[in-house]
Amino acid sequence: MERDNRSEALSVEQLDHCPLPGSAFRATVIVDPDGMIVAKLIYPREVGRNTHEIVRLIQGLQFSRQTSLGVPANWVPGMPGIQRRTEDIGRI
C-alpha cells in the first residue's frame, strides 16, 4: 500500500526559518516495522531530549504491539497494560 507522508513532515522551509542563527531543533521520530510514523517529538531549542522517556516510549509501543494493550501514564516495563476501550476515556 502506498502512503503519502507529506502531512507527517516539516518542510525544509519551516526548519530553516529559525529566529536564532545556529540554534537547533531537537526532534525524534519513531517509525514502526511497517514503516508508519507512530510518534513525533519536537523539543524547543531551550530544552534537551529525555532519552529515558524516549526509551520508555519505544518499550511501550513494543509492549502494545505484542499484547494489543495500551500503556497508562508513568508505565514502565513489568507493569500491566490496560484495555483500550473508548468507554473508558476520562475514567482512567
PDB file of N, CA and C in Angstrom:
ATOM      1  N   MET A   1       0.837  -1.177   0.000  1.00  0.00           N
ATOM      2  CA  MET A   1       0.000   0.000   0.000  1.00  0.00           C
ATOM      3  C   MET A   1       0.880   1.237   0.000  1.00  0.00           C
ATOM      4  N   GLU A   2       0.613   2.152  -0.889  1.00  0.00           N
ATOM      5  CA  GLU A   2       1.405   3.365  -0.989  1.00  0.00           C
ATOM      6  C   GLU A   2       0.848   4.418  -0.035  1.00  0.00           C
ATOM      7  N   ARG A   3       1.748   5.122   0.684  1.00  0.00           N
ATOM      8  CA  ARG A   3       1.312   6.127   1.652  1.00  0.00           C
ATOM      9  C   ARG A   3       1.836   7.490   1.241  1.00  0.00           C
ATOM     10  N   ASP A   4       1.094   8.512   1.597  1.00  0.00           N
ATOM     11  CA  ASP A   4       1.510   9.889   1.370  1.00  0.00           C
ATOM     12  C   ASP A   4       1.850  10.475   2.734  1.00  0.00           C
ATOM     13  N   ASN A   5       3.135  10.595   3.040  1.00  0.00           N
ATOM     14  CA  ASN A   5       3.571  11.083   4.346  1.00  0.00           C
ATOM     15  C   ASN A   5       3.880  12.574   4.345  1.00  0.00           C
ATOM     16  N   ARG A   6       3.443  13.300   3.316  1.00  0.00           N
ATOM     17  CA  ARG A   6       3.749  14.724   3.275  1.00  0.00           C
ATOM     18  C   ARG A   6       3.208  15.455   4.493  1.00  0.00           C
ATOM     19  N   SER A   7       2.059  15.045   5.005  1.00  0.00           N
ATOM     20  CA  SER A   7       1.499  15.723   6.172  1.00  0.00           C
ATOM     21  C   SER A   7       2.271  15.390   7.440  1.00  0.00           C
ATOM     22  N   GLU A   8       3.111  14.380   7.402  1.00  0.00           N
ATOM     23  CA  GLU A   8       3.871  13.964   8.580  1.00  0.00           C
ATOM     24  C   GLU A   8       5.199  14.681   8.724  1.00  0.00           C
ATOM     25  N   ALA A   9       5.585  15.433   7.740  1.00  0.00           N
ATOM     26  CA  ALA A   9       6.928  16.024   7.758  1.00  0.00           C
ATOM     27  C   ALA A   9       6.862  17.537   7.832  1.00  0.00           C
ATOM     28  N   LEU A  10       7.871  18.101   8.488  1.00  0.00           N
ATOM     29  CA  LEU A  10       8.053  19.544   8.448  1.00  0.00           C
ATOM     30  C   LEU A  10       8.809  19.880   7.181  1.00  0.00           C
ATOM     31  N   SER A  11       8.422  20.945   6.534  1.00  0.00           N
ATOM     32  CA  SER A  11       9.128  21.307   5.315  1.00  0.00           C
ATOM     33  C   SER A  11      10.503  21.873   5.647  1.00  0.00           C
ATOM     34  N   VAL A  12      11.390  21.808   4.682  1.00  0.00           N
ATOM     35  CA  VAL A  12      12.728  22.368   4.856  1.00  0.00           C
ATOM     36  C   VAL A  12      12.617  23.853   5.172  1.00  0.00           C
ATOM     37  N   GLU A  13      11.656  24.537   4.537  1.00  0.00           N
ATOM     38  CA  GLU A  13      11.473  25.960   4.789  1.00  0.00           C
ATOM     39  C   GLU A  13      11.102  26.223   6.253  1.00  0.00           C
ATOM     40  N   GLN A  14      10.260  25.362   6.832  1.00  0.00           N
ATOM     41  CA  GLN A  14       9.882  25.538   8.233  1.00  0.00           C
ATOM     42  C   GLN A  14      11.086  25.343   9.147  1.00  0.00           C
ATOM     43  N   LEU A  15      11.903  24.356   8.853  1.00  0.00           N
ATOM     44  CA  LEU A  15      13.072  24.105   9.691  1.00  0.00           C
ATOM     45  C   LEU A  15      14.140  25.181   9.505  1.00  0.00           C
ATOM     46  N   ASP A  16      14.248  25.707   8.293  1.00  0.00           N
ATOM     47  CA  ASP A  16      15.253  26.742   8.035  1.00  0.00           C
ATOM     48  C   ASP A  16      14.859  28.093   8.596  1.00  0.00           C
ATOM     49  N   HIS A  17      13.571  28.308   8.865  1.00  0.00           N
ATOM     50  CA  HIS A  17      13.125  29.600   9.378  1.00  0.00           C
ATOM     51  C   HIS A  17      13.234  29.607  10.897  1.00  0.00           C
ATOM     52  N   CYS A  18      14.443  29.687  11.364  1.00  0.00           N
ATOM     53  CA  CYS A  18      14.722  29.656  12.789  1.00  0.00           C
ATOM     54  C   CYS A  18      15.153  31.061  13.213  1.00  0.00           C
ATOM     55  N   PRO A  19      14.536  31.626  14.253  1.00  0.00           N
ATOM     56  CA  PRO A  19      14.838  33.007  14.623  1.00  0.00           C
ATOM     57  C   PRO A  19      16.262  33.239  15.122  1.00  0.00           C
ATOM     58  N   LEU A  20      16.917  32.225  15.620  1.00  0.00           N
ATOM     59  CA  LEU A  20      18.270  32.392  16.141  1.00  0.00           C
ATOM     60  C   LEU A  20      19.254  31.589  15.305  1.00  0.00           C
ATOM     61  N   PRO A  21      20.187  32.260  14.630  1.00  0.00           N
ATOM     62  CA  PRO A  21      21.173  31.510  13.834  1.00  0.00           C
ATOM     63  C   PRO A  21      21.956  30.542  14.712  1.00  0.00           C
ATOM     64  N   GLY A  22      22.200  29.372  14.195  1.00  0.00           N
ATOM     65  CA  GLY A  22      22.994  28.384  14.928  1.00  0.00           C
ATOM     66  C   GLY A  22      22.209  27.581  15.936  1.00  0.00           C
ATOM     67  N   SER A  23      20.922  27.862  16.111  1.00  0.00           N
ATOM     68  CA  SER A  23      20.136  27.080  17.065  1.00  0.00           C
ATOM     69  C   SER A  23      19.566  25.849  16.357  1.00  0.00           C
ATOM     70  N   ALA A  24      19.319  24.817  17.127  1.00  0.00           N
ATOM     71  CA  ALA A  24      18.878  23.546  16.534  1.00  0.00           C
ATOM     72  C   ALA A  24      17.569  23.100  17.144  1.00  0.00           C
ATOM     73  N   PHE A  25      16.717  22.486  16.311  1.00  0.00           N
ATOM     74  CA  PHE A  25      15.538  21.806  16.820  1.00  0.00           C
ATOM     75  C   PHE A  25      15.987  20.431  17.281  1.00  0.00           C
ATOM     76  N   ARG A  26      15.356  19.942  18.298  1.00  0.00           N
ATOM     77  CA  ARG A  26      15.627  18.593  18.756  1.00  0.00           C
ATOM     78  C   ARG A  26      14.380  17.776  18.472  1.00  0.00           C
ATOM     79  N   ALA A  27      14.489  16.884  17.533  1.00  0.00           N
ATOM     80  CA  ALA A  27      13.321  16.107  17.133  1.00  0.00           C
ATOM     81  C   ALA A  27      13.632  14.622  17.159  1.00  0.00           C
ATOM     82  N   THR A  28      12.620  13.853  17.501  1.00  0.00           N
ATOM     83  CA  THR A  28      12.706  12.405  17.492  1.00  0.00           C
ATOM     84  C   THR A  28      11.493  11.883  16.739  1.00  0.00           C
ATOM     85  N   VAL A  29      11.716  11.016  15.779  1.00  0.00           N
ATOM     86  CA  VAL A  29      10.635  10.397  15.020  1.00  0.00           C
ATOM     87  C   VAL A  29      10.800   8.890  15.167  1.00  0.00           C
ATOM     88  N   ILE A  30       9.731   8.223  15.572  1.00  0.00           N
ATOM     89  CA  ILE A  30       9.772   6.767  15.747  1.00  0.00           C
ATOM     90  C   ILE A  30       8.894   6.143  14.669  1.00  0.00           C
ATOM     91  N   VAL A  31       9.488   5.200  13.941  1.00  0.00           N
ATOM     92  CA  VAL A  31       8.814   4.528  12.835  1.00  0.00           C
ATOM     93  C   VAL A  31       8.664   3.054  13.197  1.00  0.00           C
ATOM     94  N   ASP A  32       7.458   2.507  13.010  1.00  0.00           N
ATOM     95  CA  ASP A  32       7.243   1.100  13.359  1.00  0.00           C
ATOM     96  C   ASP A  32       7.763   0.182  12.252  1.00  0.00           C
ATOM     97  N   PRO A  33       7.785  -1.132  12.499  1.00  0.00           N
ATOM     98  CA  PRO A  33       8.313  -2.070  11.497  1.00  0.00           C
ATOM     99  C   PRO A  33       7.580  -2.038  10.154  1.00  0.00           C
ATOM    100  N   ASP A  34       6.342  -1.520  10.143  1.00  0.00           N
ATOM    101  CA  ASP A  34       5.588  -1.409   8.895  1.00  0.00           C
ATOM    102  C   ASP A  34       5.881  -0.108   8.151  1.00  0.00           C
ATOM    103  N   GLY A  35       6.772   0.701   8.703  1.00  0.00           N
ATOM    104  CA  GLY A  35       7.138   1.956   8.052  1.00  0.00           C
ATOM    105  C   GLY A  35       6.225   3.122   8.383  1.00  0.00           C
ATOM    106  N   MET A  36       5.343   2.953   9.363  1.00  0.00           N
ATOM    107  CA  MET A  36       4.428   4.032   9.753  1.00  0.00           C
ATOM    108  C   MET A  36       5.041   4.857  10.887  1.00  0.00           C
ATOM    109  N   ILE A  37       4.891   6.155  10.790  1.00  0.00           N
ATOM    110  CA  ILE A  37       5.336   7.029  11.879  1.00  0.00           C
ATOM    111  C   ILE A  37       4.348   6.855  13.025  1.00  0.00           C
ATOM    112  N   VAL A  38       4.857   6.456  14.204  1.00  0.00           N
ATOM    113  CA  VAL A  38       3.976   6.226  15.344  1.00  0.00           C
ATOM    114  C   VAL A  38       4.182   7.251  16.451  1.00  0.00           C
ATOM    115  N   ALA A  39       5.266   8.014  16.382  1.00  0.00           N
ATOM    116  CA  ALA A  39       5.497   9.063  17.380  1.00  0.00           C
ATOM    117  C   ALA A  39       6.402  10.128  16.789  1.00  0.00           C
ATOM    118  N   LYS A  40       6.080  11.377  17.116  1.00  0.00           N
ATOM    119  CA  LYS A  40       6.918  12.511  16.712  1.00  0.00           C
ATOM    120  C   LYS A  40       7.059  13.419  17.917  1.00  0.00           C
ATOM    121  N   LEU A  41       8.272  13.712  18.283  1.00  0.00           N
ATOM    122  CA  LEU A  41       8.536  14.609  19.407  1.00  0.00           C
ATOM    123  C   LEU A  41       9.439  15.732  18.918  1.00  0.00           C
ATOM    124  N   ILE A  42       9.022  16.965  19.103  1.00  0.00           N
ATOM    125  CA  ILE A  42       9.855  18.106  18.733  1.00  0.00           C
ATOM    126  C   ILE A  42       9.990  18.980  19.966  1.00  0.00           C
ATOM    127  N   TYR A  43      11.220  19.189  20.373  1.00  0.00           N
ATOM    128  CA  TYR A  43      11.509  19.956  21.566  1.00  0.00           C
ATOM    129  C   TYR A  43      11.970  21.354  21.196  1.00  0.00           C
ATOM    130  N   PRO A  44      11.691  22.352  22.048  1.00  0.00           N
ATOM    131  CA  PRO A  44      12.201  23.693  21.784  1.00  0.00           C
ATOM    132  C   PRO A  44      13.719  23.743  21.951  1.00  0.00           C
ATOM    133  N   ARG A  45      14.299  24.758  21.381  1.00  0.00           N
ATOM    134  CA  ARG A  45      15.761  24.903  21.443  1.00  0.00           C
ATOM    135  C   ARG A  45      16.283  24.900  22.871  1.00  0.00           C
ATOM    136  N   GLU A  46      15.476  25.404  23.783  1.00  0.00           N
ATOM    137  CA  GLU A  46      15.933  25.573  25.170  1.00  0.00           C
ATOM    138  C   GLU A  46      15.917  24.288  25.993  1.00  0.00           C
ATOM    139  N   VAL A  47      15.313  23.225  25.454  1.00  0.00           N
ATOM    140  CA  VAL A  47      15.126  22.001  26.236  1.00  0.00           C
ATOM    141  C   VAL A  47      15.732  20.807  25.507  1.00  0.00           C
ATOM    142  N   GLY A  48      16.540  20.053  26.215  1.00  0.00           N
ATOM    143  CA  GLY A  48      17.125  18.838  25.639  1.00  0.00           C
ATOM    144  C   GLY A  48      16.159  17.671  25.734  1.00  0.00           C
ATOM    145  N   ARG A  49      16.433  16.640  24.979  1.00  0.00           N
ATOM    146  CA  ARG A  49      15.590  15.442  24.987  1.00  0.00           C
ATOM    147  C   ARG A  49      15.864  14.598  26.219  1.00  0.00           C
ATOM    148  N   ASN A  50      14.861  13.874  26.654  1.00  0.00           N
ATOM    149  CA  ASN A  50      14.989  12.952  27.769  1.00  0.00           C
ATOM    150  C   ASN A  50      15.085  11.545  27.185  1.00  0.00           C
ATOM    151  N   THR A  51      16.295  11.010  27.106  1.00  0.00           N
ATOM    152  CA  THR A  51      16.477   9.702  26.474  1.00  0.00           C
ATOM    153  C   THR A  51      15.761   8.589  27.229  1.00  0.00           C
ATOM    154  N   HIS A  52      15.632   8.730  28.544  1.00  0.00           N
ATOM    155  CA  HIS A  52      14.912   7.701  29.306  1.00  0.00           C
ATOM    156  C   HIS A  52      13.448   7.656  28.881  1.00  0.00           C
ATOM    157  N   GLU A  53      12.841   8.808  28.634  1.00  0.00           N
ATOM    158  CA  GLU A  53      11.446   8.839  28.202  1.00  0.00           C
ATOM    159  C   GLU A  53      11.299   8.305  26.783  1.00  0.00           C
ATOM    160  N   ILE A  54      12.259   8.581  25.925  1.00  0.00           N
ATOM    161  CA  ILE A  54      12.201   8.060  24.558  1.00  0.00           C
ATOM    162  C   ILE A  54      12.293   6.538  24.575  1.00  0.00           C
ATOM    163  N   VAL A  55      13.177   5.985  25.392  1.00  0.00           N
ATOM    164  CA  VAL A  55      13.288   4.520  25.516  1.00  0.00           C
ATOM    165  C   VAL A  55      11.991   3.944  26.073  1.00  0.00           C
ATOM    166  N   ARG A  56      11.398   4.603  27.097  1.00  0.00           N
ATOM    167  CA  ARG A  56      10.131   4.140  27.669  1.00  0.00           C
ATOM    168  C   ARG A  56       9.024   4.168  26.619  1.00  0.00           C
ATOM    169  N   LEU A  57       9.018   5.195  25.783  1.00  0.00           N
ATOM    170  CA  LEU A  57       8.039   5.296  24.708  1.00  0.00           C
ATOM    171  C   LEU A  57       8.171   4.123  23.743  1.00  0.00           C
ATOM    172  N   ILE A  58       9.392   3.817  23.331  1.00  0.00           N
ATOM    173  CA  ILE A  58       9.617   2.683  22.425  1.00  0.00           C
ATOM    174  C   ILE A  58       9.200   1.377  23.089  1.00  0.00           C
ATOM    175  N   GLN A  59       9.550   1.200  24.365  1.00  0.00           N
ATOM    176  CA  GLN A  59       9.158  -0.019  25.079  1.00  0.00           C
ATOM    177  C   GLN A  59       7.641  -0.137  25.176  1.00  0.00           C
ATOM    178  N   GLY A  60       6.965   0.979  25.412  1.00  0.00           N
ATOM    179  CA  GLY A  60       5.506   0.971  25.485  1.00  0.00           C
ATOM    180  C   GLY A  60       4.877   0.620  24.142  1.00  0.00           C
ATOM    181  N   LEU A  61       5.435   1.166  23.058  1.00  0.00           N
ATOM    182  CA  LEU A  61       4.933   0.843  21.721  1.00  0.00           C
ATOM    183  C   LEU A  61       5.144  -0.633  21.399  1.00  0.00           C
ATOM    184  N   GLN A  62       6.303  -1.177  21.771  1.00  0.00           N
ATOM    185  CA  GLN A  62       6.577  -2.592  21.541  1.00  0.00           C
ATOM    186  C   GLN A  62       5.638  -3.472  22.372  1.00  0.00           C
ATOM    187  N   PHE A  63       5.430  -3.093  23.630  1.00  0.00           N
ATOM    188  CA  PHE A  63       4.520  -3.838  24.507  1.00  0.00           C
ATOM    189  C   PHE A  63       3.119  -3.843  23.915  1.00  0.00           C
ATOM    190  N   SER A  64       2.660  -2.684  23.475  1.00  0.00           N
ATOM    191  CA  SER A  64       1.329  -2.564  22.910  1.00  0.00           C
ATOM    192  C   SER A  64       1.183  -3.397  21.638  1.00  0.00           C
ATOM    193  N   ARG A  65       2.213  -3.395  20.818  1.00  0.00           N
ATOM    194  CA  ARG A  65       2.179  -4.174  19.571  1.00  0.00           C
ATOM    195  C   ARG A  65       2.119  -5.677  19.867  1.00  0.00           C
ATOM    196  N   GLN A  66       2.814  -6.110  20.915  1.00  0.00           N
ATOM    197  CA  GLN A  66       2.860  -7.534  21.259  1.00  0.00           C
ATOM    198  C   GLN A  66       1.598  -8.011  21.977  1.00  0.00           C
ATOM    199  N   THR A  67       0.966  -7.124  22.772  1.00  0.00           N
ATOM    200  CA  THR A  67      -0.139  -7.553  23.625  1.00  0.00           C
ATOM    201  C   THR A  67      -1.501  -6.982  23.229  1.00  0.00           C
ATOM    202  N   SER A  68      -1.519  -6.002  22.363  1.00  0.00           N
ATOM    203  CA  SER A  68      -2.735  -5.256  21.990  1.00  0.00           C
ATOM    204  C   SER A  68      -3.312  -4.468  23.159  1.00  0.00           C
ATOM    205  N   LEU A  69      -2.524  -4.274  24.197  1.00  0.00           N
ATOM    206  CA  LEU A  69      -2.949  -3.463  25.339  1.00  0.00           C
ATOM    207  C   LEU A  69      -2.313  -2.080  25.226  1.00  0.00           C
ATOM    208  N   GLY A  70      -2.958  -1.105  25.853  1.00  0.00           N
ATOM    209  CA  GLY A  70      -2.372   0.220  25.944  1.00  0.00           C
ATOM    210  C   GLY A  70      -1.504   0.313  27.183  1.00  0.00           C
ATOM    211  N   VAL A  71      -0.763   1.388  27.295  1.00  0.00           N
ATOM    212  CA  VAL A  71       0.043   1.599  28.496  1.00  0.00           C
ATOM    213  C   VAL A  71      -0.389   2.920  29.135  1.00  0.00           C
ATOM    214  N   PRO A  72      -0.638   2.900  30.451  1.00  0.00           N
ATOM    215  CA  PRO A  72      -1.073   4.115  31.132  1.00  0.00           C
ATOM    216  C   PRO A  72       0.086   5.076  31.380  1.00  0.00           C
ATOM    217  N   ALA A  73      -0.249   6.252  31.848  1.00  0.00           N
ATOM    218  CA  ALA A  73       0.769   7.237  32.214  1.00  0.00           C
ATOM    219  C   ALA A  73       1.722   6.628  33.237  1.00  0.00           C
ATOM    220  N   ASN A  74       2.966   6.958  33.124  1.00  0.00           N
ATOM    221  CA  ASN A  74       4.025   6.503  34.042  1.00  0.00           C
ATOM    222  C   ASN A  74       4.263   4.994  33.994  1.00  0.00           C
ATOM    223  N   TRP A  75       3.778   4.343  32.955  1.00  0.00           N
ATOM    224  CA  TRP A  75       4.006   2.904  32.778  1.00  0.00           C
ATOM    225  C   TRP A  75       5.492   2.644  32.599  1.00  0.00           C
ATOM    226  N   VAL A  76       5.953   1.542  33.157  1.00  0.00           N
ATOM    227  CA  VAL A  76       7.323   1.059  32.932  1.00  0.00           C
ATOM    228  C   VAL A  76       7.228  -0.435  32.656  1.00  0.00           C
ATOM    229  N   PRO A  77       8.207  -0.992  31.926  1.00  0.00           N
ATOM    230  CA  PRO A  77       8.178  -2.425  31.651  1.00  0.00           C
ATOM    231  C   PRO A  77       8.012  -3.237  32.934  1.00  0.00           C
ATOM    232  N   GLY A  78       7.191  -4.258  32.842  1.00  0.00           N
ATOM    233  CA  GLY A  78       6.884  -5.097  34.001  1.00  0.00           C
ATOM    234  C   GLY A  78       5.517  -4.772  34.589  1.00  0.00           C
ATOM    235  N   MET A  79       5.004  -3.571  34.301  1.00  0.00           N
ATOM    236  CA  MET A  79       3.665  -3.206  34.771  1.00  0.00           C
ATOM    237  C   MET A  79       2.631  -3.752  33.787  1.00  0.00           C
ATOM    238  N   PRO A  80       1.403  -3.966  34.264  1.00  0.00           N
ATOM    239  CA  PRO A  80       0.373  -4.451  33.345  1.00  0.00           C
ATOM    240  C   PRO A  80      -0.081  -3.344  32.394  1.00  0.00           C
ATOM    241  N   GLY A  81      -0.617  -3.761  31.278  1.00  0.00           N
ATOM    242  CA  GLY A  81      -1.198  -2.817  30.344  1.00  0.00           C
ATOM    243  C   GLY A  81      -2.670  -2.618  30.665  1.00  0.00           C
ATOM    244  N   ILE A  82      -3.327  -1.807  29.840  1.00  0.00           N
ATOM    245  CA  ILE A  82      -4.753  -1.553  30.038  1.00  0.00           C
ATOM    246  C   ILE A  82      -5.492  -1.817  28.722  1.00  0.00           C
ATOM    247  N   GLN A  83      -6.751  -2.215  28.842  1.00  0.00           N
ATOM    248  CA  GLN A  83      -7.594  -2.395  27.669  1.00  0.00           C
ATOM    249  C   GLN A  83      -7.836  -1.026  27.042  1.00  0.00           C
ATOM    250  N   ARG A  84      -7.778  -0.950  25.718  1.00  0.00           N
ATOM    251  CA  ARG A  84      -8.054   0.309  25.018  1.00  0.00           C
ATOM    252  C   ARG A  84      -9.513   0.308  24.595  1.00  0.00           C
ATOM    253  N   ARG A  85     -10.355   0.902  25.438  1.00  0.00           N
ATOM    254  CA  ARG A  85     -11.796   0.938  25.170  1.00  0.00           C
ATOM    255  C   ARG A  85     -12.262   2.389  25.224  1.00  0.00           C
ATOM    256  N   THR A  86     -13.001   2.800  24.214  1.00  0.00           N
ATOM    257  CA  THR A  86     -13.447   4.188  24.167  1.00  0.00           C
ATOM    258  C   THR A  86     -14.342   4.547  25.344  1.00  0.00           C
ATOM    259  N   GLU A  87     -15.070   3.586  25.889  1.00  0.00           N
ATOM    260  CA  GLU A  87     -15.937   3.912  27.028  1.00  0.00           C
ATOM    261  C   GLU A  87     -15.152   4.228  28.308  1.00  0.00           C
ATOM    262  N   ASP A  88     -13.860   3.930  28.332  1.00  0.00           N
ATOM    263  CA  ASP A  88     -13.029   4.237  29.493  1.00  0.00           C
ATOM    264  C   ASP A  88     -12.340   5.598  29.401  1.00  0.00           C
ATOM    265  N   ILE A  89     -12.515   6.308  28.280  1.00  0.00           N
ATOM    266  CA  ILE A  89     -11.863   7.605  28.123  1.00  0.00           C
ATOM    267  C   ILE A  89     -12.337   8.535  29.238  1.00  0.00           C
ATOM    268  N   GLY A  90     -11.384   9.132  29.933  1.00  0.00           N
ATOM    269  CA  GLY A  90     -11.688  10.047  31.031  1.00  0.00           C
ATOM    270  C   GLY A  90     -11.897   9.378  32.376  1.00  0.00           C
ATOM    271  N   ARG A  91     -11.921   8.071  32.392  1.00  0.00           N
ATOM    272  CA  ARG A  91     -12.126   7.334  33.655  1.00  0.00           C
ATOM    273  C   ARG A  91     -10.829   6.774  34.228  1.00  0.00           C
ATOM    274  N   ILE A  92      -9.829   6.617  33.395  1.00  0.00           N
ATOM    275  CA  ILE A  92      -8.571   6.013  33.860  1.00  0.00           C
ATOM    276  C   ILE A  92      -7.564   7.109  34.095  1.00  0.00           C
TER     277      ILE A  92
END
